[in-house]
Amino acid sequence: MLKNCLILVFALFTLMNTSIAKEKNSKIQVALLLDTSNSMDGLINQAKSQLWNVVNELATAKKNGKTPNLEIALYEYGKQSLASETGFVREIVGFTNDLDKISEELFALKTNGGDEYCGWSIKSATDNLAWSKSNKDLKIIYIAGNEAFTQGKVDYKKSCASAI
């Protein structure tokens, strides 16, 4: 388990009716948001491994006997080398089904000081990614970090409500 590391999951919609599943594969979209501030120094490798375990589990998911199309996006937040005007948040990879690219980018992330603005991070992923318009697709945001959600100018409660 990730000690002192918060993983928050937003499952926006999980069910798909059988007739739609027969017409086309369902889709799973996942945004991974990782705190790369210095406070994660002792936790970063474990956090990356846990996030990758989630991706591996979802890659084997089935819905009505079919494998859904899996799209993963990757964000980092909290690193002081990121722009303050974007809330120290950076989209590394938008939605892609290239899991090798996601793995490469995820495991290359390093920590470096900064402010951890969870609300801003969630808002960025919600507003900037090309989320499916279908209510039948599963959409998830995983955020991993170890600081309070109350930091920063963007209220995490509003970001979470907007994500839903």
Protein backbone atom coordinates (compact mmCIF):
# COMPACT_ATOMS: atom_id res chain seq x y z
CA MET A 1 0.00 0.00 0.00
CA LEU A 2 1.05 3.56 -0.55
CA LYS A 3 1.67 4.91 2.92
CA ASN A 4 0.69 8.57 3.17
CA CYS A 5 -0.25 8.55 -0.49
CA LEU A 6 -3.75 9.39 -1.53
CA ILE A 7 -5.31 7.72 -4.50
CA LEU A 8 -8.66 9.13 -5.41
CA VAL A 9 -10.83 7.48 -7.96
CA PHE A 10 -13.67 9.06 -9.82
CA ALA A 11 -15.70 6.47 -11.68
CA LEU A 12 -17.99 8.64 -13.74
CA PHE A 13 -20.11 5.89 -15.28
CA THR A 14 -19.60 2.14 -15.29
CA LEU A 15 -22.48 0.38 -16.98
CA MET A 16 -22.98 -0.21 -20.67
CA ASN A 17 -26.12 -1.85 -22.10
CA THR A 18 -25.76 -5.08 -24.05
CA SER A 19 -27.13 -3.82 -27.38
CA ILE A 20 -24.53 -1.04 -27.60
CA ALA A 21 -21.75 -3.47 -26.62
CA LYS A 22 -22.66 -5.65 -29.62
CA GLU A 23 -22.44 -2.69 -31.99
CA LYS A 24 -19.03 -1.41 -30.92
CA ASN A 25 -16.44 -1.92 -28.23
CA SER A 26 -16.91 0.11 -25.14
CA LYS A 27 -14.21 2.52 -24.05
CA ILE A 28 -12.33 3.03 -20.81
CA GLN A 29 -10.62 6.38 -20.41
CA VAL A 30 -8.24 6.92 -17.49
CA ALA A 31 -6.38 10.07 -16.50
CA LEU A 32 -3.41 9.39 -14.22
CA LEU A 33 -2.40 12.44 -12.14
CA LEU A 34 0.84 12.10 -10.19
CA ASP A 35 2.29 14.46 -7.59
CA THR A 36 5.96 15.01 -8.53
CA SER A 37 6.79 17.46 -5.74
CA ASN A 38 9.70 16.81 -3.35
CA SER A 39 7.32 15.58 -0.67
CA MET A 40 6.92 12.47 -2.84
CA ASP A 41 10.67 11.66 -2.80
CA GLY A 42 10.28 8.50 -0.73
CA LEU A 43 6.98 7.51 -2.35
CA ILE A 44 7.34 8.28 -6.05
CA ASN A 45 8.51 4.84 -7.19
CA GLN A 46 5.80 3.07 -5.25
CA ALA A 47 3.16 5.50 -6.54
CA LYS A 48 4.27 4.92 -10.14
CA SER A 49 4.15 1.15 -9.64
CA GLN A 50 0.68 1.30 -8.11
CA LEU A 51 -0.62 3.44 -10.97
CA TRP A 52 0.89 1.05 -13.48
CA ASN A 53 -0.82 -1.87 -11.68
CA VAL A 54 -4.14 -0.09 -12.23
CA VAL A 55 -3.37 0.25 -15.95
CA ASN A 56 -2.48 -3.46 -16.17
CA GLU A 57 -5.73 -4.46 -14.46
CA LEU A 58 -7.79 -2.30 -16.79
CA ALA A 59 -5.94 -3.66 -19.83
CA THR A 60 -7.40 -7.10 -19.07
CA ALA A 61 -10.95 -5.87 -18.39
CA LYS A 62 -13.87 -7.36 -20.29
CA LYS A 63 -17.38 -6.07 -20.82
CA ASN A 64 -19.90 -8.53 -22.19
CA GLY A 65 -17.01 -10.75 -23.31
CA LYS A 66 -15.29 -7.99 -25.28
CA THR A 67 -12.14 -6.06 -24.46
CA PRO A 68 -12.93 -2.33 -24.19
CA ASN A 69 -10.72 0.20 -25.93
CA LEU A 70 -8.38 1.48 -23.22
CA GLU A 71 -7.12 5.07 -23.41
CA ILE A 72 -4.72 6.44 -20.80
CA ALA A 73 -3.61 10.04 -20.23
CA LEU A 74 -0.77 11.11 -17.94
CA TYR A 75 -0.36 14.33 -15.95
CA GLU A 76 2.16 15.46 -13.37
CA TYR A 77 1.59 18.19 -10.83
CA GLY A 78 3.50 19.87 -8.03
CA LYS A 79 6.92 20.17 -9.63
CA GLN A 80 8.38 23.66 -9.20
CA SER A 81 9.86 23.61 -12.71
CA LEU A 82 6.30 23.60 -14.11
CA ALA A 83 4.58 26.88 -14.93
CA SER A 84 2.88 28.58 -11.97
CA GLU A 85 0.21 30.05 -14.28
CA THR A 86 -0.95 26.49 -15.04
CA GLY A 87 -1.01 25.56 -11.36
CA PHE A 88 2.22 23.56 -11.62
CA VAL A 89 0.30 21.02 -13.74
CA ARG A 90 1.52 19.48 -16.98
CA GLU A 91 -0.17 17.15 -19.42
CA ILE A 92 2.53 14.71 -20.45
CA VAL A 93 0.47 12.49 -22.74
CA GLY A 94 -3.15 12.99 -23.80
CA PHE A 95 -5.44 10.01 -24.22
CA THR A 96 -3.64 7.23 -26.05
CA ASN A 97 -3.83 3.47 -26.34
CA ASP A 98 -0.02 3.31 -26.60
CA LEU A 99 0.69 1.76 -23.21
CA ASP A 100 4.43 1.58 -23.97
CA LYS A 101 4.47 5.39 -24.27
CA ILE A 102 2.54 5.79 -21.02
CA SER A 103 4.90 3.40 -19.22
CA GLU A 104 7.98 5.15 -20.57
CA GLU A 105 6.74 8.59 -19.52
CA LEU A 106 5.36 7.48 -16.16
CA PHE A 107 8.51 5.71 -15.00
CA ALA A 108 10.71 8.60 -16.21
CA LEU A 109 9.04 11.10 -13.86
CA LYS A 110 11.19 12.59 -11.09
CA THR A 111 10.42 14.84 -8.15
CA ASN A 112 11.46 18.48 -7.81
CA GLY A 113 10.01 20.81 -5.16
CA GLY A 114 6.82 22.73 -5.75
CA ASP A 115 3.23 23.20 -4.74
CA GLU A 116 0.66 20.43 -4.96
CA TYR A 117 -2.62 21.76 -6.29
CA CYS A 118 -4.90 18.74 -6.53
CA GLY A 119 -7.97 20.79 -7.45
CA TRP A 120 -6.14 22.46 -10.31
CA SER A 121 -4.80 19.12 -11.50
CA ILE A 122 -8.27 17.54 -11.59
CA LYS A 123 -9.69 20.62 -13.33
CA SER A 124 -6.94 20.53 -15.97
CA ALA A 125 -7.58 16.87 -16.77
CA THR A 126 -11.35 17.40 -16.83
CA ASP A 127 -11.21 20.49 -19.04
CA ASN A 128 -8.34 19.67 -21.39
CA LEU A 129 -8.62 16.00 -22.24
CA ALA A 130 -10.79 14.69 -25.09
CA TRP A 131 -13.23 12.78 -22.89
CA SER A 132 -15.76 10.56 -24.61
CA LYS A 133 -19.20 12.14 -24.95
CA SER A 134 -20.88 8.76 -24.42
CA ASN A 135 -22.41 8.11 -21.03
CA LYS A 136 -21.88 4.43 -21.75
CA ASP A 137 -18.08 4.65 -21.53
CA LEU A 138 -16.14 4.36 -18.29
CA LYS A 139 -14.19 7.49 -17.37
CA ILE A 140 -11.81 7.52 -14.41
CA ILE A 141 -9.41 9.98 -12.81
CA TYR A 142 -6.72 8.57 -10.51
CA ILE A 143 -4.78 11.11 -8.52
CA ALA A 144 -1.79 10.06 -6.42
CA GLY A 145 -0.13 12.40 -3.98
CA ASN A 146 0.53 12.93 -0.31
CA GLU A 147 -0.60 16.46 0.47
CA ALA A 148 -3.93 17.99 1.43
CA PHE A 149 -6.45 18.59 -1.33
CA THR A 150 -7.10 22.07 0.02
CA GLN A 151 -3.95 23.69 -1.42
CA GLY A 152 -4.13 26.20 -4.26
CA LYS A 153 -6.64 28.61 -5.78
CA VAL A 154 -8.85 25.97 -7.41
CA ASP A 155 -11.33 24.37 -5.01
CA TYR A 156 -11.01 20.59 -5.25
CA LYS A 157 -14.72 20.17 -4.41
CA LYS A 158 -15.68 22.21 -7.47
CA SER A 159 -13.15 20.34 -9.62
CA CYS A 160 -14.54 16.99 -8.48
CA ALA A 161 -18.13 18.09 -9.08
CA SER A 162 -17.19 19.30 -12.55
CA ALA A 163 -15.42 16.01 -13.30
CA ILE A 164 -18.54 14.08 -12.44
